[in-house]
């Protein structure tokens, strides 16, 4: 079972690419969202509302990062299944 997984994973560049892109995009969305949220400011009378806006924005960035990671994991799984059928012809 593990050997079969490793053989398919080694011969499936699409699966490897999807996993790497998923991890990379997850980190970029989290770090980019944190950077944007921490530098968010509103001048004038609305300035006191900035703190109440930052928390929902931070939560949105976290949820979006997990959605992106989930989509890449689904793509990697589909690619793995396709390559497993191609290699082992079940």
PDB file of N, CA and C in Angstrom:
ATOM      1  N   UNK A   1       0.824  -1.192   0.000  1.00  0.00           N
ATOM      2  CA  UNK A   1       0.000   0.000   0.000  1.00  0.00           C
ATOM      3  C   UNK A   1       0.871   1.260   0.000  1.00  0.00           C
ATOM      4  N   UNK A   2       1.804   1.349   0.950  1.00  0.00           N
ATOM      5  CA  UNK A   2       2.692   2.512   1.013  1.00  0.00           C
ATOM      6  C   UNK A   2       3.624   2.541  -0.186  1.00  0.00           C
ATOM      7  N   UNK A   3       4.091   1.371  -0.600  1.00  0.00           N
ATOM      8  CA  UNK A   3       4.982   1.302  -1.758  1.00  0.00           C
ATOM      9  C   UNK A   3       4.263   1.749  -3.019  1.00  0.00           C
ATOM     10  N   UNK A   4       3.012   1.339  -3.151  1.00  0.00           N
ATOM     11  CA  UNK A   4       2.224   1.751  -4.306  1.00  0.00           C
ATOM     12  C   UNK A   4       2.042   3.263  -4.312  1.00  0.00           C
ATOM     13  N   UNK A   5       1.743   3.834  -3.147  1.00  0.00           N
ATOM     14  CA  UNK A   5       1.582   5.277  -3.046  1.00  0.00           C
ATOM     15  C   UNK A   5       2.865   5.999  -3.442  1.00  0.00           C
ATOM     16  N   UNK A   6       4.004   5.522  -2.963  1.00  0.00           N
ATOM     17  CA  UNK A   6       5.276   6.172  -3.259  1.00  0.00           C
ATOM     18  C   UNK A   6       5.646   6.057  -4.740  1.00  0.00           C
ATOM     19  N   UNK A   7       5.344   4.916  -5.355  1.00  0.00           N
ATOM     20  CA  UNK A   7       5.629   4.747  -6.783  1.00  0.00           C
ATOM     21  C   UNK A   7       4.782   5.709  -7.606  1.00  0.00           C
ATOM     22  N   UNK A   8       3.501   5.771  -7.299  1.00  0.00           N
ATOM     23  CA  UNK A   8       2.617   6.671  -8.042  1.00  0.00           C
ATOM     24  C   UNK A   8       3.018   8.119  -7.793  1.00  0.00           C
ATOM     25  N   UNK A   9       3.332   8.456  -6.565  1.00  0.00           N
ATOM     26  CA  UNK A   9       3.713   9.826  -6.240  1.00  0.00           C
ATOM     27  C   UNK A   9       5.010  10.220  -6.950  1.00  0.00           C
ATOM     28  N   UNK A  10       5.956   9.292  -7.054  1.00  0.00           N
ATOM     29  CA  UNK A  10       7.223   9.578  -7.725  1.00  0.00           C
ATOM     30  C   UNK A  10       7.039   9.773  -9.230  1.00  0.00           C
ATOM     31  N   UNK A  11       6.050   9.110  -9.814  1.00  0.00           N
ATOM     32  CA  UNK A  11       5.823   9.191 -11.255  1.00  0.00           C
ATOM     33  C   UNK A  11       4.701  10.158 -11.621  1.00  0.00           C
ATOM     34  N   UNK A  12       4.289  10.994 -10.698  1.00  0.00           N
ATOM     35  CA  UNK A  12       3.184  11.914 -10.953  1.00  0.00           C
ATOM     36  C   UNK A  12       3.618  13.358 -10.691  1.00  0.00           C
ATOM     37  N   UNK A  13       4.174  14.014 -11.684  1.00  0.00           N
ATOM     38  CA  UNK A  13       4.602  15.402 -11.463  1.00  0.00           C
ATOM     39  C   UNK A  13       3.427  16.354 -11.232  1.00  0.00           C
ATOM     40  N   UNK A  14       2.256  16.023 -11.777  1.00  0.00           N
ATOM     41  CA  UNK A  14       1.092  16.890 -11.541  1.00  0.00           C
ATOM     42  C   UNK A  14       0.685  16.875 -10.076  1.00  0.00           C
ATOM     43  N   UNK A  15       0.731  15.712  -9.464  1.00  0.00           N
ATOM     44  CA  UNK A  15       0.397  15.611  -8.042  1.00  0.00           C
ATOM     45  C   UNK A  15       1.413  16.358  -7.198  1.00  0.00           C
ATOM     46  N   UNK A  16       2.677  16.178  -7.496  1.00  0.00           N
ATOM     47  CA  UNK A  16       3.726  16.876  -6.756  1.00  0.00           C
ATOM     48  C   UNK A  16       3.584  18.387  -6.910  1.00  0.00           C
ATOM     49  N   UNK A  17       3.332  18.836  -8.126  1.00  0.00           N
ATOM     50  CA  UNK A  17       3.174  20.270  -8.385  1.00  0.00           C
ATOM     51  C   UNK A  17       1.962  20.830  -7.640  1.00  0.00           C
ATOM     52  N   UNK A  18       0.878  20.101  -7.633  1.00  0.00           N
ATOM     53  CA  UNK A  18      -0.322  20.569  -6.942  1.00  0.00           C
ATOM     54  C   UNK A  18      -0.085  20.677  -5.437  1.00  0.00           C
ATOM     55  N   UNK A  19       0.631  19.718  -4.859  1.00  0.00           N
ATOM     56  CA  UNK A  19       0.920  19.785  -3.424  1.00  0.00           C
ATOM     57  C   UNK A  19       1.843  20.949  -3.095  1.00  0.00           C
ATOM     58  N   UNK A  20       2.897  21.128  -3.895  1.00  0.00           N
ATOM     59  CA  UNK A  20       3.805  22.250  -3.642  1.00  0.00           C
ATOM     60  C   UNK A  20       3.102  23.588  -3.822  1.00  0.00           C
ATOM     61  N   UNK A  21       2.310  23.721  -4.867  1.00  0.00           N
ATOM     62  CA  UNK A  21       1.583  24.968  -5.072  1.00  0.00           C
ATOM     63  C   UNK A  21       0.566  25.218  -3.968  1.00  0.00           C
ATOM     64  N   UNK A  22      -0.047  24.163  -3.461  1.00  0.00           N
ATOM     65  CA  UNK A  22      -0.985  24.317  -2.358  1.00  0.00           C
ATOM     66  C   UNK A  22      -0.318  24.846  -1.104  1.00  0.00           C
ATOM     67  N   UNK A  23       0.818  24.269  -0.751  1.00  0.00           N
ATOM     68  CA  UNK A  23       1.533  24.721   0.450  1.00  0.00           C
ATOM     69  C   UNK A  23       2.055  26.142   0.254  1.00  0.00           C
ATOM     70  N   UNK A  24       2.610  26.414  -0.932  1.00  0.00           N
ATOM     71  CA  UNK A  24       3.153  27.743  -1.202  1.00  0.00           C
ATOM     72  C   UNK A  24       2.058  28.804  -1.206  1.00  0.00           C
ATOM     73  N   UNK A  25       0.944  28.520  -1.858  1.00  0.00           N
ATOM     74  CA  UNK A  25      -0.141  29.504  -1.905  1.00  0.00           C
ATOM     75  C   UNK A  25      -0.777  29.695  -0.529  1.00  0.00           C
ATOM     76  N   UNK A  26      -0.850  28.628   0.259  1.00  0.00           N
ATOM     77  CA  UNK A  26      -1.370  28.752   1.623  1.00  0.00           C
ATOM     78  C   UNK A  26      -0.519  29.726   2.423  1.00  0.00           C
ATOM     79  N   UNK A  27       0.800  29.548   2.355  1.00  0.00           N
ATOM     80  CA  UNK A  27       1.700  30.437   3.096  1.00  0.00           C
ATOM     81  C   UNK A  27       1.637  31.861   2.561  1.00  0.00           C
ATOM     82  N   UNK A  28       1.592  32.024   1.240  1.00  0.00           N
ATOM     83  CA  UNK A  28       1.549  33.368   0.665  1.00  0.00           C
ATOM     84  C   UNK A  28       0.262  34.098   1.012  1.00  0.00           C
ATOM     85  N   UNK A  29      -0.850  33.396   0.993  1.00  0.00           N
ATOM     86  CA  UNK A  29      -2.122  34.040   1.347  1.00  0.00           C
ATOM     87  C   UNK A  29      -2.119  34.442   2.827  1.00  0.00           C
ATOM     88  N   UNK A  30      -1.609  33.554   3.689  1.00  0.00           N
ATOM     89  CA  UNK A  30      -1.561  33.908   5.110  1.00  0.00           C
ATOM     90  C   UNK A  30      -0.650  35.097   5.375  1.00  0.00           C
ATOM     91  N   UNK A  31       0.567  35.059   4.820  1.00  0.00           N
ATOM     92  CA  UNK A  31       1.505  36.157   5.061  1.00  0.00           C
ATOM     93  C   UNK A  31       1.063  37.441   4.373  1.00  0.00           C
ATOM     94  N   UNK A  32       0.578  37.326   3.149  1.00  0.00           N
ATOM     95  CA  UNK A  32       0.090  38.510   2.441  1.00  0.00           C
ATOM     96  C   UNK A  32      -1.123  39.120   3.116  1.00  0.00           C
ATOM     97  N   UNK A  33      -2.043  38.286   3.559  1.00  0.00           N
ATOM     98  CA  UNK A  33      -3.216  38.793   4.271  1.00  0.00           C
ATOM     99  C   UNK A  33      -2.851  39.450   5.584  1.00  0.00           C
ATOM    100  N   UNK A  34      -1.900  38.853   6.311  1.00  0.00           N
ATOM    101  CA  UNK A  34      -1.462  39.462   7.567  1.00  0.00           C
ATOM    102  C   UNK A  34      -0.793  40.801   7.317  1.00  0.00           C
ATOM    103  N   UNK A  35      -0.008  40.891   6.253  1.00  0.00           N
ATOM    104  CA  UNK A  35       0.644  42.154   5.915  1.00  0.00           C
ATOM    105  C   UNK A  35      -0.389  43.225   5.572  1.00  0.00           C
ATOM    106  N   UNK A  36      -1.383  42.861   4.750  1.00  0.00           N
ATOM    107  CA  UNK A  36      -2.403  43.831   4.369  1.00  0.00           C
ATOM    108  C   UNK A  36      -3.260  44.260   5.554  1.00  0.00           C
ATOM    109  N   UNK A  37      -3.598  43.317   6.415  1.00  0.00           N
ATOM    110  CA  UNK A  37      -4.433  43.639   7.572  1.00  0.00           C
ATOM    111  C   UNK A  37      -3.660  44.501   8.567  1.00  0.00           C
ATOM    112  N   UNK A  38      -2.397  44.206   8.775  1.00  0.00           N
ATOM    113  CA  UNK A  38      -1.626  44.984   9.746  1.00  0.00           C
ATOM    114  C   UNK A  38      -1.350  46.396   9.255  1.00  0.00           C
ATOM    115  N   UNK A  39      -1.308  46.609   7.938  1.00  0.00           N
ATOM    116  CA  UNK A  39      -1.062  47.946   7.395  1.00  0.00           C
ATOM    117  C   UNK A  39      -2.345  48.666   6.993  1.00  0.00           C
ATOM    118  N   UNK A  40      -3.472  48.108   7.326  1.00  0.00           N
ATOM    119  CA  UNK A  40      -4.756  48.720   6.988  1.00  0.00           C
ATOM    120  C   UNK A  40      -5.011  49.906   7.906  1.00  0.00           C
ATOM    121  N   UNK A  41      -5.303  51.060   7.321  1.00  0.00           N
ATOM    122  CA  UNK A  41      -5.638  52.237   8.121  1.00  0.00           C
ATOM    123  C   UNK A  41      -6.630  53.093   7.342  1.00  0.00           C
ATOM    124  N   UNK A  42      -7.431  53.809   8.081  1.00  0.00           N
ATOM    125  CA  UNK A  42      -8.432  54.696   7.497  1.00  0.00           C
ATOM    126  C   UNK A  42      -8.238  56.069   8.130  1.00  0.00           C
ATOM    127  N   UNK A  43      -8.046  57.095   7.337  1.00  0.00           N
ATOM    128  CA  UNK A  43      -7.865  58.430   7.918  1.00  0.00           C
ATOM    129  C   UNK A  43      -9.202  59.074   8.283  1.00  0.00           C
ATOM    130  N   UNK A  44      -9.136  60.015   9.161  1.00  0.00           N
ATOM    131  CA  UNK A  44     -10.309  60.818   9.476  1.00  0.00           C
ATOM    132  C   UNK A  44     -11.169  60.245  10.589  1.00  0.00           C
ATOM    133  N   UNK A  45     -12.467  60.492  10.452  1.00  0.00           N
ATOM    134  CA  UNK A  45     -13.411  60.124  11.502  1.00  0.00           C
ATOM    135  C   UNK A  45     -13.589  58.614  11.641  1.00  0.00           C
ATOM    136  N   UNK A  46     -13.272  57.862  10.621  1.00  0.00           N
ATOM    137  CA  UNK A  46     -13.463  56.417  10.655  1.00  0.00           C
ATOM    138  C   UNK A  46     -12.286  55.674  11.278  1.00  0.00           C
ATOM    139  N   UNK A  47     -11.260  56.383  11.697  1.00  0.00           N
ATOM    140  CA  UNK A  47     -10.062  55.752  12.254  1.00  0.00           C
ATOM    141  C   UNK A  47     -10.345  54.863  13.465  1.00  0.00           C
ATOM    142  N   UNK A  48     -11.262  55.210  14.368  1.00  0.00           N
ATOM    143  CA  UNK A  48     -11.524  54.307  15.501  1.00  0.00           C
ATOM    144  C   UNK A  48     -12.134  52.956  15.107  1.00  0.00           C
ATOM    145  N   UNK A  49     -12.678  52.857  13.916  1.00  0.00           N
ATOM    146  CA  UNK A  49     -13.298  51.604  13.483  1.00  0.00           C
ATOM    147  C   UNK A  49     -12.302  50.604  12.904  1.00  0.00           C
ATOM    148  N   UNK A  50     -11.039  51.020  12.767  1.00  0.00           N
ATOM    149  CA  UNK A  50     -10.047  50.163  12.123  1.00  0.00           C
ATOM    150  C   UNK A  50      -9.873  48.853  12.893  1.00  0.00           C
ATOM    151  N   UNK A  51      -9.796  48.899  14.195  1.00  0.00           N
ATOM    152  CA  UNK A  51      -9.600  47.678  14.988  1.00  0.00           C
ATOM    153  C   UNK A  51     -10.773  46.714  14.854  1.00  0.00           C
ATOM    154  N   UNK A  52     -11.967  47.241  14.746  1.00  0.00           N
ATOM    155  CA  UNK A  52     -13.125  46.352  14.612  1.00  0.00           C
ATOM    156  C   UNK A  52     -13.219  45.758  13.202  1.00  0.00           C
ATOM    157  N   UNK A  53     -12.549  46.368  12.245  1.00  0.00           N
ATOM    158  CA  UNK A  53     -12.551  45.846  10.890  1.00  0.00           C
ATOM    159  C   UNK A  53     -11.425  44.837  10.686  1.00  0.00           C
ATOM    160  N   UNK A  54     -10.323  45.002  11.400  1.00  0.00           N
ATOM    161  CA  UNK A  54      -9.158  44.139  11.213  1.00  0.00           C
ATOM    162  C   UNK A  54      -9.434  42.672  11.551  1.00  0.00           C
ATOM    163  N   UNK A  55     -10.130  42.407  12.608  1.00  0.00           N
ATOM    164  CA  UNK A  55     -10.367  41.016  13.010  1.00  0.00           C
ATOM    165  C   UNK A  55     -11.185  40.236  11.988  1.00  0.00           C
ATOM    166  N   UNK A  56     -12.296  40.771  11.466  1.00  0.00           N
ATOM    167  CA  UNK A  56     -13.001  40.014  10.416  1.00  0.00           C
ATOM    168  C   UNK A  56     -12.169  39.847   9.147  1.00  0.00           C
ATOM    169  N   UNK A  57     -11.344  40.853   8.820  1.00  0.00           N
ATOM    170  CA  UNK A  57     -10.475  40.729   7.650  1.00  0.00           C
ATOM    171  C   UNK A  57      -9.440  39.641   7.863  1.00  0.00           C
ATOM    172  N   UNK A  58      -8.882  39.552   9.058  1.00  0.00           N
ATOM    173  CA  UNK A  58      -7.893  38.512   9.372  1.00  0.00           C
ATOM    174  C   UNK A  58      -8.552  37.130   9.297  1.00  0.00           C
ATOM    175  N   UNK A  59      -9.765  37.023   9.818  1.00  0.00           N
ATOM    176  CA  UNK A  59     -10.491  35.755   9.741  1.00  0.00           C
ATOM    177  C   UNK A  59     -10.803  35.362   8.306  1.00  0.00           C
ATOM    178  N   UNK A  60     -11.150  36.344   7.484  1.00  0.00           N
ATOM    179  CA  UNK A  60     -11.411  36.066   6.076  1.00  0.00           C
ATOM    180  C   UNK A  60     -10.153  35.556   5.381  1.00  0.00           C
ATOM    181  N   UNK A  61      -9.006  36.154   5.682  1.00  0.00           N
ATOM    182  CA  UNK A  61      -7.743  35.715   5.065  1.00  0.00           C
ATOM    183  C   UNK A  61      -7.413  34.280   5.468  1.00  0.00           C
ATOM    184  N   UNK A  62      -7.660  33.925   6.714  1.00  0.00           N
ATOM    185  CA  UNK A  62      -7.386  32.563   7.172  1.00  0.00           C
ATOM    186  C   UNK A  62      -8.307  31.568   6.473  1.00  0.00           C
ATOM    187  N   UNK A  63      -9.581  31.891   6.390  1.00  0.00           N
ATOM    188  CA  UNK A  63     -10.539  31.004   5.714  1.00  0.00           C
ATOM    189  C   UNK A  63     -10.190  30.869   4.239  1.00  0.00           C
ATOM    190  N   UNK A  64      -9.830  31.976   3.605  1.00  0.00           N
ATOM    191  CA  UNK A  64      -9.461  31.941   2.188  1.00  0.00           C
ATOM    192  C   UNK A  64      -8.216  31.093   1.965  1.00  0.00           C
ATOM    193  N   UNK A  65      -7.241  31.180   2.870  1.00  0.00           N
ATOM    194  CA  UNK A  65      -6.025  30.376   2.749  1.00  0.00           C
ATOM    195  C   UNK A  65      -6.355  28.884   2.836  1.00  0.00           C
ATOM    196  N   UNK A  66      -7.240  28.505   3.746  1.00  0.00           N
ATOM    197  CA  UNK A  66      -7.618  27.097   3.856  1.00  0.00           C
ATOM    198  C   UNK A  66      -8.436  26.632   2.655  1.00  0.00           C
ATOM    199  N   UNK A  67      -9.241  27.511   2.076  1.00  0.00           N
ATOM    200  CA  UNK A  67      -9.995  27.154   0.877  1.00  0.00           C
ATOM    201  C   UNK A  67      -9.043  26.898  -0.285  1.00  0.00           C
ATOM    202  N   UNK A  68      -8.040  27.765  -0.435  1.00  0.00           N
ATOM    203  CA  UNK A  68      -7.057  27.589  -1.503  1.00  0.00           C
ATOM    204  C   UNK A  68      -6.294  26.282  -1.303  1.00  0.00           C
ATOM    205  N   UNK A  69      -5.868  26.014  -0.073  1.00  0.00           N
ATOM    206  CA  UNK A  69      -5.157  24.769   0.220  1.00  0.00           C
ATOM    207  C   UNK A  69      -6.045  23.557  -0.074  1.00  0.00           C
ATOM    208  N   UNK A  70      -7.297  23.615   0.302  1.00  0.00           N
ATOM    209  CA  UNK A  70      -8.225  22.519   0.044  1.00  0.00           C
ATOM    210  C   UNK A  70      -8.421  22.265  -1.439  1.00  0.00           C
ATOM    211  N   UNK A  71      -8.511  23.323  -2.235  1.00  0.00           N
ATOM    212  CA  UNK A  71      -8.672  23.156  -3.674  1.00  0.00           C
ATOM    213  C   UNK A  71      -7.451  22.493  -4.301  1.00  0.00           C
ATOM    214  N   UNK A  72      -6.270  22.882  -3.846  1.00  0.00           N
ATOM    215  CA  UNK A  72      -5.061  22.244  -4.371  1.00  0.00           C
ATOM    216  C   UNK A  72      -4.965  20.788  -3.915  1.00  0.00           C
ATOM    217  N   UNK A  73      -5.403  20.485  -2.707  1.00  0.00           N
ATOM    218  CA  UNK A  73      -5.389  19.094  -2.249  1.00  0.00           C
ATOM    219  C   UNK A  73      -6.363  18.242  -3.047  1.00  0.00           C
ATOM    220  N   UNK A  74      -7.508  18.797  -3.381  1.00  0.00           N
ATOM    221  CA  UNK A  74      -8.470  18.075  -4.221  1.00  0.00           C
ATOM    222  C   UNK A  74      -7.878  17.824  -5.603  1.00  0.00           C
ATOM    223  N   UNK A  75      -7.209  18.836  -6.170  1.00  0.00           N
ATOM    224  CA  UNK A  75      -6.574  18.664  -7.478  1.00  0.00           C
ATOM    225  C   UNK A  75      -5.477  17.610  -7.415  1.00  0.00           C
ATOM    226  N   UNK A  76      -4.692  17.611  -6.331  1.00  0.00           N
ATOM    227  CA  UNK A  76      -3.628  16.618  -6.181  1.00  0.00           C
ATOM    228  C   UNK A  76      -4.221  15.218  -6.055  1.00  0.00           C
ATOM    229  N   UNK A  77      -5.309  15.073  -5.315  1.00  0.00           N
ATOM    230  CA  UNK A  77      -5.956  13.771  -5.152  1.00  0.00           C
ATOM    231  C   UNK A  77      -6.488  13.251  -6.482  1.00  0.00           C
ATOM    232  N   UNK A  78      -7.135  14.118  -7.250  1.00  0.00           N
ATOM    233  CA  UNK A  78      -7.663  13.708  -8.554  1.00  0.00           C
ATOM    234  C   UNK A  78      -6.532  13.300  -9.487  1.00  0.00           C
ATOM    235  N   UNK A  79      -5.456  14.051  -9.463  1.00  0.00           N
ATOM    236  CA  UNK A  79      -4.307  13.717 -10.299  1.00  0.00           C
ATOM    237  C   UNK A  79      -3.678  12.403  -9.869  1.00  0.00           C
ATOM    238  N   UNK A  80      -3.601  12.178  -8.565  1.00  0.00           N
ATOM    239  CA  UNK A  80      -3.049  10.933  -8.049  1.00  0.00           C
ATOM    240  C   UNK A  80      -3.890   9.740  -8.501  1.00  0.00           C
ATOM    241  N   UNK A  81      -5.198   9.857  -8.387  1.00  0.00           N
ATOM    242  CA  UNK A  81      -6.099   8.764  -8.797  1.00  0.00           C
ATOM    243  C   UNK A  81      -5.946   8.485 -10.286  1.00  0.00           C
ATOM    244  N   UNK A  82      -5.873   9.530 -11.095  1.00  0.00           N
ATOM    245  CA  UNK A  82      -5.725   9.356 -12.538  1.00  0.00           C
ATOM    246  C   UNK A  82      -4.404   8.659 -12.870  1.00  0.00           C
ATOM    247  N   UNK A  83      -3.325   9.078 -12.229  1.00  0.00           N
ATOM    248  CA  UNK A  83      -2.030   8.462 -12.499  1.00  0.00           C
ATOM    249  C   UNK A  83      -1.936   7.046 -11.929  1.00  0.00           C
ATOM    250  N   UNK A  84      -2.622   6.787 -10.851  1.00  0.00           N
ATOM    251  CA  UNK A  84      -2.653   5.432 -10.286  1.00  0.00           C
ATOM    252  C   UNK A  84      -3.346   4.472 -11.240  1.00  0.00           C
ATOM    253  N   UNK A  85      -4.445   4.919 -11.828  1.00  0.00           N
ATOM    254  CA  UNK A  85      -5.139   4.091 -12.815  1.00  0.00           C
ATOM    255  C   UNK A  85      -4.273   3.884 -14.047  1.00  0.00           C
ATOM    256  N   UNK A  86      -3.534   4.928 -14.443  1.00  0.00           N
ATOM    257  CA  UNK A  86      -2.684   4.827 -15.624  1.00  0.00           C
ATOM    258  C   UNK A  86      -1.515   3.867 -15.372  1.00  0.00           C
ATOM    259  N   UNK A  87      -0.920   3.926 -14.193  1.00  0.00           N
ATOM    260  CA  UNK A  87       0.263   3.107 -13.911  1.00  0.00           C
ATOM    261  C   UNK A  87      -0.080   1.649 -13.585  1.00  0.00           C
ATOM    262  N   UNK A  88      -1.127   1.444 -12.800  1.00  0.00           N
ATOM    263  CA  UNK A  88      -1.428   0.090 -12.351  1.00  0.00           C
ATOM    264  C   UNK A  88      -2.599  -0.550 -13.088  1.00  0.00           C
ATOM    265  N   UNK A  89      -3.379   0.233 -13.840  1.00  0.00           N
ATOM    266  CA  UNK A  89      -4.452  -0.278 -14.681  1.00  0.00           C
ATOM    267  C   UNK A  89      -5.372  -1.252 -13.959  1.00  0.00           C
ATOM    268  N   UNK A  90      -5.990  -0.756 -12.895  1.00  0.00           N
ATOM    269  CA  UNK A  90      -6.897  -1.592 -12.109  1.00  0.00           C
ATOM    270  C   UNK A  90      -8.207  -1.773 -12.819  1.00  0.00           C
TER     271      UNK A  90
END
